[in-house]
Amino acid sequence: FERSLIRERTKAGLEAAKAQGRTGG
């Protein structure tokens, strides 16, 4: 369960960064 929460938070953080115009890599 904890690992699933971490995965969801990471995904949400990446989506928020993308919405702000930031890209990774």
PDBML (XML) file of the C-alpha atoms, coordinates in Angstrom:
<?xml version="1.0" encoding="UTF-8" ?>
<PDBx:datablock datablockName="MODEL"
   xmlns:PDBx="http://pdbml.pdb.org/schema/pdbx-v50.xsd"
   xmlns:xsi="http://www.w3.org/2001/XMLSchema-instance"
   xsi:schemaLocation="http://pdbml.pdb.org/schema/pdbx-v50.xsd pdbx-v50.xsd">
   <PDBx:atom_siteCategory>
      <PDBx:atom_site id="1">
         <PDBx:B_iso_or_equiv>0.00</PDBx:B_iso_or_equiv>
         <PDBx:Cartn_x>0.000</PDBx:Cartn_x>
         <PDBx:Cartn_y>0.000</PDBx:Cartn_y>
         <PDBx:Cartn_z>0.000</PDBx:Cartn_z>
         <PDBx:auth_asym_id>A</PDBx:auth_asym_id>
         <PDBx:auth_atom_id>CA</PDBx:auth_atom_id>
         <PDBx:auth_comp_id>PHE</PDBx:auth_comp_id>
         <PDBx:auth_seq_id>1</PDBx:auth_seq_id>
         <PDBx:group_PDB>ATOM</PDBx:group_PDB>
         <PDBx:label_alt_id xsi:nil="true" />
         <PDBx:label_asym_id>A</PDBx:label_asym_id>
         <PDBx:label_atom_id>CA</PDBx:label_atom_id>
         <PDBx:label_comp_id>PHE</PDBx:label_comp_id>
         <PDBx:label_entity_id>1</PDBx:label_entity_id>
         <PDBx:label_seq_id>1</PDBx:label_seq_id>
         <PDBx:occupancy>1.00</PDBx:occupancy>
         <PDBx:pdbx_PDB_model_num>1</PDBx:pdbx_PDB_model_num>
         <PDBx:type_symbol>C</PDBx:type_symbol>
      </PDBx:atom_site>
      <PDBx:atom_site id="2">
         <PDBx:B_iso_or_equiv>0.00</PDBx:B_iso_or_equiv>
         <PDBx:Cartn_x>2.800</PDBx:Cartn_x>
         <PDBx:Cartn_y>2.404</PDBx:Cartn_y>
         <PDBx:Cartn_z>0.906</PDBx:Cartn_z>
         <PDBx:auth_asym_id>A</PDBx:auth_asym_id>
         <PDBx:auth_atom_id>CA</PDBx:auth_atom_id>
         <PDBx:auth_comp_id>GLU</PDBx:auth_comp_id>
         <PDBx:auth_seq_id>2</PDBx:auth_seq_id>
         <PDBx:group_PDB>ATOM</PDBx:group_PDB>
         <PDBx:label_alt_id xsi:nil="true" />
         <PDBx:label_asym_id>A</PDBx:label_asym_id>
         <PDBx:label_atom_id>CA</PDBx:label_atom_id>
         <PDBx:label_comp_id>GLU</PDBx:label_comp_id>
         <PDBx:label_entity_id>1</PDBx:label_entity_id>
         <PDBx:label_seq_id>2</PDBx:label_seq_id>
         <PDBx:occupancy>1.00</PDBx:occupancy>
         <PDBx:pdbx_PDB_model_num>1</PDBx:pdbx_PDB_model_num>
         <PDBx:type_symbol>C</PDBx:type_symbol>
      </PDBx:atom_site>
      <PDBx:atom_site id="3">
         <PDBx:B_iso_or_equiv>0.00</PDBx:B_iso_or_equiv>
         <PDBx:Cartn_x>4.596</PDBx:Cartn_x>
         <PDBx:Cartn_y>1.682</PDBx:Cartn_y>
         <PDBx:Cartn_z>-2.373</PDBx:Cartn_z>
         <PDBx:auth_asym_id>A</PDBx:auth_asym_id>
         <PDBx:auth_atom_id>CA</PDBx:auth_atom_id>
         <PDBx:auth_comp_id>ARG</PDBx:auth_comp_id>
         <PDBx:auth_seq_id>3</PDBx:auth_seq_id>
         <PDBx:group_PDB>ATOM</PDBx:group_PDB>
         <PDBx:label_alt_id xsi:nil="true" />
         <PDBx:label_asym_id>A</PDBx:label_asym_id>
         <PDBx:label_atom_id>CA</PDBx:label_atom_id>
         <PDBx:label_comp_id>ARG</PDBx:label_comp_id>
         <PDBx:label_entity_id>1</PDBx:label_entity_id>
         <PDBx:label_seq_id>3</PDBx:label_seq_id>
         <PDBx:occupancy>1.00</PDBx:occupancy>
         <PDBx:pdbx_PDB_model_num>1</PDBx:pdbx_PDB_model_num>
         <PDBx:type_symbol>C</PDBx:type_symbol>
      </PDBx:atom_site>
      <PDBx:atom_site id="4">
         <PDBx:B_iso_or_equiv>0.00</PDBx:B_iso_or_equiv>
         <PDBx:Cartn_x>1.356</PDBx:Cartn_x>
         <PDBx:Cartn_y>2.395</PDBx:Cartn_y>
         <PDBx:Cartn_z>-4.290</PDBx:Cartn_z>
         <PDBx:auth_asym_id>A</PDBx:auth_asym_id>
         <PDBx:auth_atom_id>CA</PDBx:auth_atom_id>
         <PDBx:auth_comp_id>SER</PDBx:auth_comp_id>
         <PDBx:auth_seq_id>4</PDBx:auth_seq_id>
         <PDBx:group_PDB>ATOM</PDBx:group_PDB>
         <PDBx:label_alt_id xsi:nil="true" />
         <PDBx:label_asym_id>A</PDBx:label_asym_id>
         <PDBx:label_atom_id>CA</PDBx:label_atom_id>
         <PDBx:label_comp_id>SER</PDBx:label_comp_id>
         <PDBx:label_entity_id>1</PDBx:label_entity_id>
         <PDBx:label_seq_id>4</PDBx:label_seq_id>
         <PDBx:occupancy>1.00</PDBx:occupancy>
         <PDBx:pdbx_PDB_model_num>1</PDBx:pdbx_PDB_model_num>
         <PDBx:type_symbol>C</PDBx:type_symbol>
      </PDBx:atom_site>
      <PDBx:atom_site id="5">
         <PDBx:B_iso_or_equiv>0.00</PDBx:B_iso_or_equiv>
         <PDBx:Cartn_x>0.979</PDBx:Cartn_x>
         <PDBx:Cartn_y>5.730</PDBx:Cartn_y>
         <PDBx:Cartn_z>-2.513</PDBx:Cartn_z>
         <PDBx:auth_asym_id>A</PDBx:auth_asym_id>
         <PDBx:auth_atom_id>CA</PDBx:auth_atom_id>
         <PDBx:auth_comp_id>LEU</PDBx:auth_comp_id>
         <PDBx:auth_seq_id>5</PDBx:auth_seq_id>
         <PDBx:group_PDB>ATOM</PDBx:group_PDB>
         <PDBx:label_alt_id xsi:nil="true" />
         <PDBx:label_asym_id>A</PDBx:label_asym_id>
         <PDBx:label_atom_id>CA</PDBx:label_atom_id>
         <PDBx:label_comp_id>LEU</PDBx:label_comp_id>
         <PDBx:label_entity_id>1</PDBx:label_entity_id>
         <PDBx:label_seq_id>5</PDBx:label_seq_id>
         <PDBx:occupancy>1.00</PDBx:occupancy>
         <PDBx:pdbx_PDB_model_num>1</PDBx:pdbx_PDB_model_num>
         <PDBx:type_symbol>C</PDBx:type_symbol>
      </PDBx:atom_site>
      <PDBx:atom_site id="6">
         <PDBx:B_iso_or_equiv>0.00</PDBx:B_iso_or_equiv>
         <PDBx:Cartn_x>4.539</PDBx:Cartn_x>
         <PDBx:Cartn_y>6.697</PDBx:Cartn_y>
         <PDBx:Cartn_z>-3.402</PDBx:Cartn_z>
         <PDBx:auth_asym_id>A</PDBx:auth_asym_id>
         <PDBx:auth_atom_id>CA</PDBx:auth_atom_id>
         <PDBx:auth_comp_id>ILE</PDBx:auth_comp_id>
         <PDBx:auth_seq_id>6</PDBx:auth_seq_id>
         <PDBx:group_PDB>ATOM</PDBx:group_PDB>
         <PDBx:label_alt_id xsi:nil="true" />
         <PDBx:label_asym_id>A</PDBx:label_asym_id>
         <PDBx:label_atom_id>CA</PDBx:label_atom_id>
         <PDBx:label_comp_id>ILE</PDBx:label_comp_id>
         <PDBx:label_entity_id>1</PDBx:label_entity_id>
         <PDBx:label_seq_id>6</PDBx:label_seq_id>
         <PDBx:occupancy>1.00</PDBx:occupancy>
         <PDBx:pdbx_PDB_model_num>1</PDBx:pdbx_PDB_model_num>
         <PDBx:type_symbol>C</PDBx:type_symbol>
      </PDBx:atom_site>
      <PDBx:atom_site id="7">
         <PDBx:B_iso_or_equiv>0.00</PDBx:B_iso_or_equiv>
         <PDBx:Cartn_x>3.900</PDBx:Cartn_x>
         <PDBx:Cartn_y>5.787</PDBx:Cartn_y>
         <PDBx:Cartn_z>-7.044</PDBx:Cartn_z>
         <PDBx:auth_asym_id>A</PDBx:auth_asym_id>
         <PDBx:auth_atom_id>CA</PDBx:auth_atom_id>
         <PDBx:auth_comp_id>ARG</PDBx:auth_comp_id>
         <PDBx:auth_seq_id>7</PDBx:auth_seq_id>
         <PDBx:group_PDB>ATOM</PDBx:group_PDB>
         <PDBx:label_alt_id xsi:nil="true" />
         <PDBx:label_asym_id>A</PDBx:label_asym_id>
         <PDBx:label_atom_id>CA</PDBx:label_atom_id>
         <PDBx:label_comp_id>ARG</PDBx:label_comp_id>
         <PDBx:label_entity_id>1</PDBx:label_entity_id>
         <PDBx:label_seq_id>7</PDBx:label_seq_id>
         <PDBx:occupancy>1.00</PDBx:occupancy>
         <PDBx:pdbx_PDB_model_num>1</PDBx:pdbx_PDB_model_num>
         <PDBx:type_symbol>C</PDBx:type_symbol>
      </PDBx:atom_site>
      <PDBx:atom_site id="8">
         <PDBx:B_iso_or_equiv>0.00</PDBx:B_iso_or_equiv>
         <PDBx:Cartn_x>0.706</PDBx:Cartn_x>
         <PDBx:Cartn_y>7.905</PDBx:Cartn_y>
         <PDBx:Cartn_z>-7.117</PDBx:Cartn_z>
         <PDBx:auth_asym_id>A</PDBx:auth_asym_id>
         <PDBx:auth_atom_id>CA</PDBx:auth_atom_id>
         <PDBx:auth_comp_id>GLU</PDBx:auth_comp_id>
         <PDBx:auth_seq_id>8</PDBx:auth_seq_id>
         <PDBx:group_PDB>ATOM</PDBx:group_PDB>
         <PDBx:label_alt_id xsi:nil="true" />
         <PDBx:label_asym_id>A</PDBx:label_asym_id>
         <PDBx:label_atom_id>CA</PDBx:label_atom_id>
         <PDBx:label_comp_id>GLU</PDBx:label_comp_id>
         <PDBx:label_entity_id>1</PDBx:label_entity_id>
         <PDBx:label_seq_id>8</PDBx:label_seq_id>
         <PDBx:occupancy>1.00</PDBx:occupancy>
         <PDBx:pdbx_PDB_model_num>1</PDBx:pdbx_PDB_model_num>
         <PDBx:type_symbol>C</PDBx:type_symbol>
      </PDBx:atom_site>
      <PDBx:atom_site id="9">
         <PDBx:B_iso_or_equiv>0.00</PDBx:B_iso_or_equiv>
         <PDBx:Cartn_x>2.444</PDBx:Cartn_x>
         <PDBx:Cartn_y>10.898</PDBx:Cartn_y>
         <PDBx:Cartn_z>-5.500</PDBx:Cartn_z>
         <PDBx:auth_asym_id>A</PDBx:auth_asym_id>
         <PDBx:auth_atom_id>CA</PDBx:auth_atom_id>
         <PDBx:auth_comp_id>ARG</PDBx:auth_comp_id>
         <PDBx:auth_seq_id>9</PDBx:auth_seq_id>
         <PDBx:group_PDB>ATOM</PDBx:group_PDB>
         <PDBx:label_alt_id xsi:nil="true" />
         <PDBx:label_asym_id>A</PDBx:label_asym_id>
         <PDBx:label_atom_id>CA</PDBx:label_atom_id>
         <PDBx:label_comp_id>ARG</PDBx:label_comp_id>
         <PDBx:label_entity_id>1</PDBx:label_entity_id>
         <PDBx:label_seq_id>9</PDBx:label_seq_id>
         <PDBx:occupancy>1.00</PDBx:occupancy>
         <PDBx:pdbx_PDB_model_num>1</PDBx:pdbx_PDB_model_num>
         <PDBx:type_symbol>C</PDBx:type_symbol>
      </PDBx:atom_site>
      <PDBx:atom_site id="10">
         <PDBx:B_iso_or_equiv>0.00</PDBx:B_iso_or_equiv>
         <PDBx:Cartn_x>5.324</PDBx:Cartn_x>
         <PDBx:Cartn_y>10.705</PDBx:Cartn_y>
         <PDBx:Cartn_z>-7.944</PDBx:Cartn_z>
         <PDBx:auth_asym_id>A</PDBx:auth_asym_id>
         <PDBx:auth_atom_id>CA</PDBx:auth_atom_id>
         <PDBx:auth_comp_id>THR</PDBx:auth_comp_id>
         <PDBx:auth_seq_id>10</PDBx:auth_seq_id>
         <PDBx:group_PDB>ATOM</PDBx:group_PDB>
         <PDBx:label_alt_id xsi:nil="true" />
         <PDBx:label_asym_id>A</PDBx:label_asym_id>
         <PDBx:label_atom_id>CA</PDBx:label_atom_id>
         <PDBx:label_comp_id>THR</PDBx:label_comp_id>
         <PDBx:label_entity_id>1</PDBx:label_entity_id>
         <PDBx:label_seq_id>10</PDBx:label_seq_id>
         <PDBx:occupancy>1.00</PDBx:occupancy>
         <PDBx:pdbx_PDB_model_num>1</PDBx:pdbx_PDB_model_num>
         <PDBx:type_symbol>C</PDBx:type_symbol>
      </PDBx:atom_site>
      <PDBx:atom_site id="11">
         <PDBx:B_iso_or_equiv>0.00</PDBx:B_iso_or_equiv>
         <PDBx:Cartn_x>2.952</PDBx:Cartn_x>
         <PDBx:Cartn_y>10.545</PDBx:Cartn_y>
         <PDBx:Cartn_z>-10.896</PDBx:Cartn_z>
         <PDBx:auth_asym_id>A</PDBx:auth_asym_id>
         <PDBx:auth_atom_id>CA</PDBx:auth_atom_id>
         <PDBx:auth_comp_id>LYS</PDBx:auth_comp_id>
         <PDBx:auth_seq_id>11</PDBx:auth_seq_id>
         <PDBx:group_PDB>ATOM</PDBx:group_PDB>
         <PDBx:label_alt_id xsi:nil="true" />
         <PDBx:label_asym_id>A</PDBx:label_asym_id>
         <PDBx:label_atom_id>CA</PDBx:label_atom_id>
         <PDBx:label_comp_id>LYS</PDBx:label_comp_id>
         <PDBx:label_entity_id>1</PDBx:label_entity_id>
         <PDBx:label_seq_id>11</PDBx:label_seq_id>
         <PDBx:occupancy>1.00</PDBx:occupancy>
         <PDBx:pdbx_PDB_model_num>1</PDBx:pdbx_PDB_model_num>
         <PDBx:type_symbol>C</PDBx:type_symbol>
      </PDBx:atom_site>
      <PDBx:atom_site id="12">
         <PDBx:B_iso_or_equiv>0.00</PDBx:B_iso_or_equiv>
         <PDBx:Cartn_x>0.936</PDBx:Cartn_x>
         <PDBx:Cartn_y>13.504</PDBx:Cartn_y>
         <PDBx:Cartn_z>-9.555</PDBx:Cartn_z>
         <PDBx:auth_asym_id>A</PDBx:auth_asym_id>
         <PDBx:auth_atom_id>CA</PDBx:auth_atom_id>
         <PDBx:auth_comp_id>ALA</PDBx:auth_comp_id>
         <PDBx:auth_seq_id>12</PDBx:auth_seq_id>
         <PDBx:group_PDB>ATOM</PDBx:group_PDB>
         <PDBx:label_alt_id xsi:nil="true" />
         <PDBx:label_asym_id>A</PDBx:label_asym_id>
         <PDBx:label_atom_id>CA</PDBx:label_atom_id>
         <PDBx:label_comp_id>ALA</PDBx:label_comp_id>
         <PDBx:label_entity_id>1</PDBx:label_entity_id>
         <PDBx:label_seq_id>12</PDBx:label_seq_id>
         <PDBx:occupancy>1.00</PDBx:occupancy>
         <PDBx:pdbx_PDB_model_num>1</PDBx:pdbx_PDB_model_num>
         <PDBx:type_symbol>C</PDBx:type_symbol>
      </PDBx:atom_site>
      <PDBx:atom_site id="13">
         <PDBx:B_iso_or_equiv>0.00</PDBx:B_iso_or_equiv>
         <PDBx:Cartn_x>4.139</PDBx:Cartn_x>
         <PDBx:Cartn_y>15.521</PDBx:Cartn_y>
         <PDBx:Cartn_z>-9.083</PDBx:Cartn_z>
         <PDBx:auth_asym_id>A</PDBx:auth_asym_id>
         <PDBx:auth_atom_id>CA</PDBx:auth_atom_id>
         <PDBx:auth_comp_id>GLY</PDBx:auth_comp_id>
         <PDBx:auth_seq_id>13</PDBx:auth_seq_id>
         <PDBx:group_PDB>ATOM</PDBx:group_PDB>
         <PDBx:label_alt_id xsi:nil="true" />
         <PDBx:label_asym_id>A</PDBx:label_asym_id>
         <PDBx:label_atom_id>CA</PDBx:label_atom_id>
         <PDBx:label_comp_id>GLY</PDBx:label_comp_id>
         <PDBx:label_entity_id>1</PDBx:label_entity_id>
         <PDBx:label_seq_id>13</PDBx:label_seq_id>
         <PDBx:occupancy>1.00</PDBx:occupancy>
         <PDBx:pdbx_PDB_model_num>1</PDBx:pdbx_PDB_model_num>
         <PDBx:type_symbol>C</PDBx:type_symbol>
      </PDBx:atom_site>
      <PDBx:atom_site id="14">
         <PDBx:B_iso_or_equiv>0.00</PDBx:B_iso_or_equiv>
         <PDBx:Cartn_x>5.278</PDBx:Cartn_x>
         <PDBx:Cartn_y>14.819</PDBx:Cartn_y>
         <PDBx:Cartn_z>-12.639</PDBx:Cartn_z>
         <PDBx:auth_asym_id>A</PDBx:auth_asym_id>
         <PDBx:auth_atom_id>CA</PDBx:auth_atom_id>
         <PDBx:auth_comp_id>LEU</PDBx:auth_comp_id>
         <PDBx:auth_seq_id>14</PDBx:auth_seq_id>
         <PDBx:group_PDB>ATOM</PDBx:group_PDB>
         <PDBx:label_alt_id xsi:nil="true" />
         <PDBx:label_asym_id>A</PDBx:label_asym_id>
         <PDBx:label_atom_id>CA</PDBx:label_atom_id>
         <PDBx:label_comp_id>LEU</PDBx:label_comp_id>
         <PDBx:label_entity_id>1</PDBx:label_entity_id>
         <PDBx:label_seq_id>14</PDBx:label_seq_id>
         <PDBx:occupancy>1.00</PDBx:occupancy>
         <PDBx:pdbx_PDB_model_num>1</PDBx:pdbx_PDB_model_num>
         <PDBx:type_symbol>C</PDBx:type_symbol>
      </PDBx:atom_site>
      <PDBx:atom_site id="15">
         <PDBx:B_iso_or_equiv>0.00</PDBx:B_iso_or_equiv>
         <PDBx:Cartn_x>1.862</PDBx:Cartn_x>
         <PDBx:Cartn_y>15.805</PDBx:Cartn_y>
         <PDBx:Cartn_z>-14.025</PDBx:Cartn_z>
         <PDBx:auth_asym_id>A</PDBx:auth_asym_id>
         <PDBx:auth_atom_id>CA</PDBx:auth_atom_id>
         <PDBx:auth_comp_id>GLU</PDBx:auth_comp_id>
         <PDBx:auth_seq_id>15</PDBx:auth_seq_id>
         <PDBx:group_PDB>ATOM</PDBx:group_PDB>
         <PDBx:label_alt_id xsi:nil="true" />
         <PDBx:label_asym_id>A</PDBx:label_asym_id>
         <PDBx:label_atom_id>CA</PDBx:label_atom_id>
         <PDBx:label_comp_id>GLU</PDBx:label_comp_id>
         <PDBx:label_entity_id>1</PDBx:label_entity_id>
         <PDBx:label_seq_id>15</PDBx:label_seq_id>
         <PDBx:occupancy>1.00</PDBx:occupancy>
         <PDBx:pdbx_PDB_model_num>1</PDBx:pdbx_PDB_model_num>
         <PDBx:type_symbol>C</PDBx:type_symbol>
      </PDBx:atom_site>
      <PDBx:atom_site id="16">
         <PDBx:B_iso_or_equiv>0.00</PDBx:B_iso_or_equiv>
         <PDBx:Cartn_x>1.881</PDBx:Cartn_x>
         <PDBx:Cartn_y>19.040</PDBx:Cartn_y>
         <PDBx:Cartn_z>-11.986</PDBx:Cartn_z>
         <PDBx:auth_asym_id>A</PDBx:auth_asym_id>
         <PDBx:auth_atom_id>CA</PDBx:auth_atom_id>
         <PDBx:auth_comp_id>ALA</PDBx:auth_comp_id>
         <PDBx:auth_seq_id>16</PDBx:auth_seq_id>
         <PDBx:group_PDB>ATOM</PDBx:group_PDB>
         <PDBx:label_alt_id xsi:nil="true" />
         <PDBx:label_asym_id>A</PDBx:label_asym_id>
         <PDBx:label_atom_id>CA</PDBx:label_atom_id>
         <PDBx:label_comp_id>ALA</PDBx:label_comp_id>
         <PDBx:label_entity_id>1</PDBx:label_entity_id>
         <PDBx:label_seq_id>16</PDBx:label_seq_id>
         <PDBx:occupancy>1.00</PDBx:occupancy>
         <PDBx:pdbx_PDB_model_num>1</PDBx:pdbx_PDB_model_num>
         <PDBx:type_symbol>C</PDBx:type_symbol>
      </PDBx:atom_site>
      <PDBx:atom_site id="17">
         <PDBx:B_iso_or_equiv>0.00</PDBx:B_iso_or_equiv>
         <PDBx:Cartn_x>5.362</PDBx:Cartn_x>
         <PDBx:Cartn_y>19.911</PDBx:Cartn_y>
         <PDBx:Cartn_z>-13.248</PDBx:Cartn_z>
         <PDBx:auth_asym_id>A</PDBx:auth_asym_id>
         <PDBx:auth_atom_id>CA</PDBx:auth_atom_id>
         <PDBx:auth_comp_id>ALA</PDBx:auth_comp_id>
         <PDBx:auth_seq_id>17</PDBx:auth_seq_id>
         <PDBx:group_PDB>ATOM</PDBx:group_PDB>
         <PDBx:label_alt_id xsi:nil="true" />
         <PDBx:label_asym_id>A</PDBx:label_asym_id>
         <PDBx:label_atom_id>CA</PDBx:label_atom_id>
         <PDBx:label_comp_id>ALA</PDBx:label_comp_id>
         <PDBx:label_entity_id>1</PDBx:label_entity_id>
         <PDBx:label_seq_id>17</PDBx:label_seq_id>
         <PDBx:occupancy>1.00</PDBx:occupancy>
         <PDBx:pdbx_PDB_model_num>1</PDBx:pdbx_PDB_model_num>
         <PDBx:type_symbol>C</PDBx:type_symbol>
      </PDBx:atom_site>
      <PDBx:atom_site id="18">
         <PDBx:B_iso_or_equiv>0.00</PDBx:B_iso_or_equiv>
         <PDBx:Cartn_x>4.271</PDBx:Cartn_x>
         <PDBx:Cartn_y>19.215</PDBx:Cartn_y>
         <PDBx:Cartn_z>-16.819</PDBx:Cartn_z>
         <PDBx:auth_asym_id>A</PDBx:auth_asym_id>
         <PDBx:auth_atom_id>CA</PDBx:auth_atom_id>
         <PDBx:auth_comp_id>LYS</PDBx:auth_comp_id>
         <PDBx:auth_seq_id>18</PDBx:auth_seq_id>
         <PDBx:group_PDB>ATOM</PDBx:group_PDB>
         <PDBx:label_alt_id xsi:nil="true" />
         <PDBx:label_asym_id>A</PDBx:label_asym_id>
         <PDBx:label_atom_id>CA</PDBx:label_atom_id>
         <PDBx:label_comp_id>LYS</PDBx:label_comp_id>
         <PDBx:label_entity_id>1</PDBx:label_entity_id>
         <PDBx:label_seq_id>18</PDBx:label_seq_id>
         <PDBx:occupancy>1.00</PDBx:occupancy>
         <PDBx:pdbx_PDB_model_num>1</PDBx:pdbx_PDB_model_num>
         <PDBx:type_symbol>C</PDBx:type_symbol>
      </PDBx:atom_site>
      <PDBx:atom_site id="19">
         <PDBx:B_iso_or_equiv>0.00</PDBx:B_iso_or_equiv>
         <PDBx:Cartn_x>1.202</PDBx:Cartn_x>
         <PDBx:Cartn_y>21.443</PDBx:Cartn_y>
         <PDBx:Cartn_z>-16.371</PDBx:Cartn_z>
         <PDBx:auth_asym_id>A</PDBx:auth_asym_id>
         <PDBx:auth_atom_id>CA</PDBx:auth_atom_id>
         <PDBx:auth_comp_id>ALA</PDBx:auth_comp_id>
         <PDBx:auth_seq_id>19</PDBx:auth_seq_id>
         <PDBx:group_PDB>ATOM</PDBx:group_PDB>
         <PDBx:label_alt_id xsi:nil="true" />
         <PDBx:label_asym_id>A</PDBx:label_asym_id>
         <PDBx:label_atom_id>CA</PDBx:label_atom_id>
         <PDBx:label_comp_id>ALA</PDBx:label_comp_id>
         <PDBx:label_entity_id>1</PDBx:label_entity_id>
         <PDBx:label_seq_id>19</PDBx:label_seq_id>
         <PDBx:occupancy>1.00</PDBx:occupancy>
         <PDBx:pdbx_PDB_model_num>1</PDBx:pdbx_PDB_model_num>
         <PDBx:type_symbol>C</PDBx:type_symbol>
      </PDBx:atom_site>
      <PDBx:atom_site id="20">
         <PDBx:B_iso_or_equiv>0.00</PDBx:B_iso_or_equiv>
         <PDBx:Cartn_x>3.540</PDBx:Cartn_x>
         <PDBx:Cartn_y>24.241</PDBx:Cartn_y>
         <PDBx:Cartn_z>-15.267</PDBx:Cartn_z>
         <PDBx:auth_asym_id>A</PDBx:auth_asym_id>
         <PDBx:auth_atom_id>CA</PDBx:auth_atom_id>
         <PDBx:auth_comp_id>GLN</PDBx:auth_comp_id>
         <PDBx:auth_seq_id>20</PDBx:auth_seq_id>
         <PDBx:group_PDB>ATOM</PDBx:group_PDB>
         <PDBx:label_alt_id xsi:nil="true" />
         <PDBx:label_asym_id>A</PDBx:label_asym_id>
         <PDBx:label_atom_id>CA</PDBx:label_atom_id>
         <PDBx:label_comp_id>GLN</PDBx:label_comp_id>
         <PDBx:label_entity_id>1</PDBx:label_entity_id>
         <PDBx:label_seq_id>20</PDBx:label_seq_id>
         <PDBx:occupancy>1.00</PDBx:occupancy>
         <PDBx:pdbx_PDB_model_num>1</PDBx:pdbx_PDB_model_num>
         <PDBx:type_symbol>C</PDBx:type_symbol>
      </PDBx:atom_site>
      <PDBx:atom_site id="21">
         <PDBx:B_iso_or_equiv>0.00</PDBx:B_iso_or_equiv>
         <PDBx:Cartn_x>5.572</PDBx:Cartn_x>
         <PDBx:Cartn_y>23.818</PDBx:Cartn_y>
         <PDBx:Cartn_z>-18.439</PDBx:Cartn_z>
         <PDBx:auth_asym_id>A</PDBx:auth_asym_id>
         <PDBx:auth_atom_id>CA</PDBx:auth_atom_id>
         <PDBx:auth_comp_id>GLY</PDBx:auth_comp_id>
         <PDBx:auth_seq_id>21</PDBx:auth_seq_id>
         <PDBx:group_PDB>ATOM</PDBx:group_PDB>
         <PDBx:label_alt_id xsi:nil="true" />
         <PDBx:label_asym_id>A</PDBx:label_asym_id>
         <PDBx:label_atom_id>CA</PDBx:label_atom_id>
         <PDBx:label_comp_id>GLY</PDBx:label_comp_id>
         <PDBx:label_entity_id>1</PDBx:label_entity_id>
         <PDBx:label_seq_id>21</PDBx:label_seq_id>
         <PDBx:occupancy>1.00</PDBx:occupancy>
         <PDBx:pdbx_PDB_model_num>1</PDBx:pdbx_PDB_model_num>
         <PDBx:type_symbol>C</PDBx:type_symbol>
      </PDBx:atom_site>
      <PDBx:atom_site id="22">
         <PDBx:B_iso_or_equiv>0.00</PDBx:B_iso_or_equiv>
         <PDBx:Cartn_x>8.529</PDBx:Cartn_x>
         <PDBx:Cartn_y>22.018</PDBx:Cartn_y>
         <PDBx:Cartn_z>-16.936</PDBx:Cartn_z>
         <PDBx:auth_asym_id>A</PDBx:auth_asym_id>
         <PDBx:auth_atom_id>CA</PDBx:auth_atom_id>
         <PDBx:auth_comp_id>ARG</PDBx:auth_comp_id>
         <PDBx:auth_seq_id>22</PDBx:auth_seq_id>
         <PDBx:group_PDB>ATOM</PDBx:group_PDB>
         <PDBx:label_alt_id xsi:nil="true" />
         <PDBx:label_asym_id>A</PDBx:label_asym_id>
         <PDBx:label_atom_id>CA</PDBx:label_atom_id>
         <PDBx:label_comp_id>ARG</PDBx:label_comp_id>
         <PDBx:label_entity_id>1</PDBx:label_entity_id>
         <PDBx:label_seq_id>22</PDBx:label_seq_id>
         <PDBx:occupancy>1.00</PDBx:occupancy>
         <PDBx:pdbx_PDB_model_num>1</PDBx:pdbx_PDB_model_num>
         <PDBx:type_symbol>C</PDBx:type_symbol>
      </PDBx:atom_site>
      <PDBx:atom_site id="23">
         <PDBx:B_iso_or_equiv>0.00</PDBx:B_iso_or_equiv>
         <PDBx:Cartn_x>9.829</PDBx:Cartn_x>
         <PDBx:Cartn_y>18.912</PDBx:Cartn_y>
         <PDBx:Cartn_z>-18.638</PDBx:Cartn_z>
         <PDBx:auth_asym_id>A</PDBx:auth_asym_id>
         <PDBx:auth_atom_id>CA</PDBx:auth_atom_id>
         <PDBx:auth_comp_id>THR</PDBx:auth_comp_id>
         <PDBx:auth_seq_id>23</PDBx:auth_seq_id>
         <PDBx:group_PDB>ATOM</PDBx:group_PDB>
         <PDBx:label_alt_id xsi:nil="true" />
         <PDBx:label_asym_id>A</PDBx:label_asym_id>
         <PDBx:label_atom_id>CA</PDBx:label_atom_id>
         <PDBx:label_comp_id>THR</PDBx:label_comp_id>
         <PDBx:label_entity_id>1</PDBx:label_entity_id>
         <PDBx:label_seq_id>23</PDBx:label_seq_id>
         <PDBx:occupancy>1.00</PDBx:occupancy>
         <PDBx:pdbx_PDB_model_num>1</PDBx:pdbx_PDB_model_num>
         <PDBx:type_symbol>C</PDBx:type_symbol>
      </PDBx:atom_site>
      <PDBx:atom_site id="24">
         <PDBx:B_iso_or_equiv>0.00</PDBx:B_iso_or_equiv>
         <PDBx:Cartn_x>12.161</PDBx:Cartn_x>
         <PDBx:Cartn_y>16.275</PDBx:Cartn_y>
         <PDBx:Cartn_z>-17.337</PDBx:Cartn_z>
         <PDBx:auth_asym_id>A</PDBx:auth_asym_id>
         <PDBx:auth_atom_id>CA</PDBx:auth_atom_id>
         <PDBx:auth_comp_id>GLY</PDBx:auth_comp_id>
         <PDBx:auth_seq_id>24</PDBx:auth_seq_id>
         <PDBx:group_PDB>ATOM</PDBx:group_PDB>
         <PDBx:label_alt_id xsi:nil="true" />
         <PDBx:label_asym_id>A</PDBx:label_asym_id>
         <PDBx:label_atom_id>CA</PDBx:label_atom_id>
         <PDBx:label_comp_id>GLY</PDBx:label_comp_id>
         <PDBx:label_entity_id>1</PDBx:label_entity_id>
         <PDBx:label_seq_id>24</PDBx:label_seq_id>
         <PDBx:occupancy>1.00</PDBx:occupancy>
         <PDBx:pdbx_PDB_model_num>1</PDBx:pdbx_PDB_model_num>
         <PDBx:type_symbol>C</PDBx:type_symbol>
      </PDBx:atom_site>
      <PDBx:atom_site id="25">
         <PDBx:B_iso_or_equiv>0.00</PDBx:B_iso_or_equiv>
         <PDBx:Cartn_x>15.143</PDBx:Cartn_x>
         <PDBx:Cartn_y>14.636</PDBx:Cartn_y>
         <PDBx:Cartn_z>-18.913</PDBx:Cartn_z>
         <PDBx:auth_asym_id>A</PDBx:auth_asym_id>
         <PDBx:auth_atom_id>CA</PDBx:auth_atom_id>
         <PDBx:auth_comp_id>GLY</PDBx:auth_comp_id>
         <PDBx:auth_seq_id>25</PDBx:auth_seq_id>
         <PDBx:group_PDB>ATOM</PDBx:group_PDB>
         <PDBx:label_alt_id xsi:nil="true" />
         <PDBx:label_asym_id>A</PDBx:label_asym_id>
         <PDBx:label_atom_id>CA</PDBx:label_atom_id>
         <PDBx:label_comp_id>GLY</PDBx:label_comp_id>
         <PDBx:label_entity_id>1</PDBx:label_entity_id>
         <PDBx:label_seq_id>25</PDBx:label_seq_id>
         <PDBx:occupancy>1.00</PDBx:occupancy>
         <PDBx:pdbx_PDB_model_num>1</PDBx:pdbx_PDB_model_num>
         <PDBx:type_symbol>C</PDBx:type_symbol>
      </PDBx:atom_site>
   </PDBx:atom_siteCategory>
</PDBx:datablock>
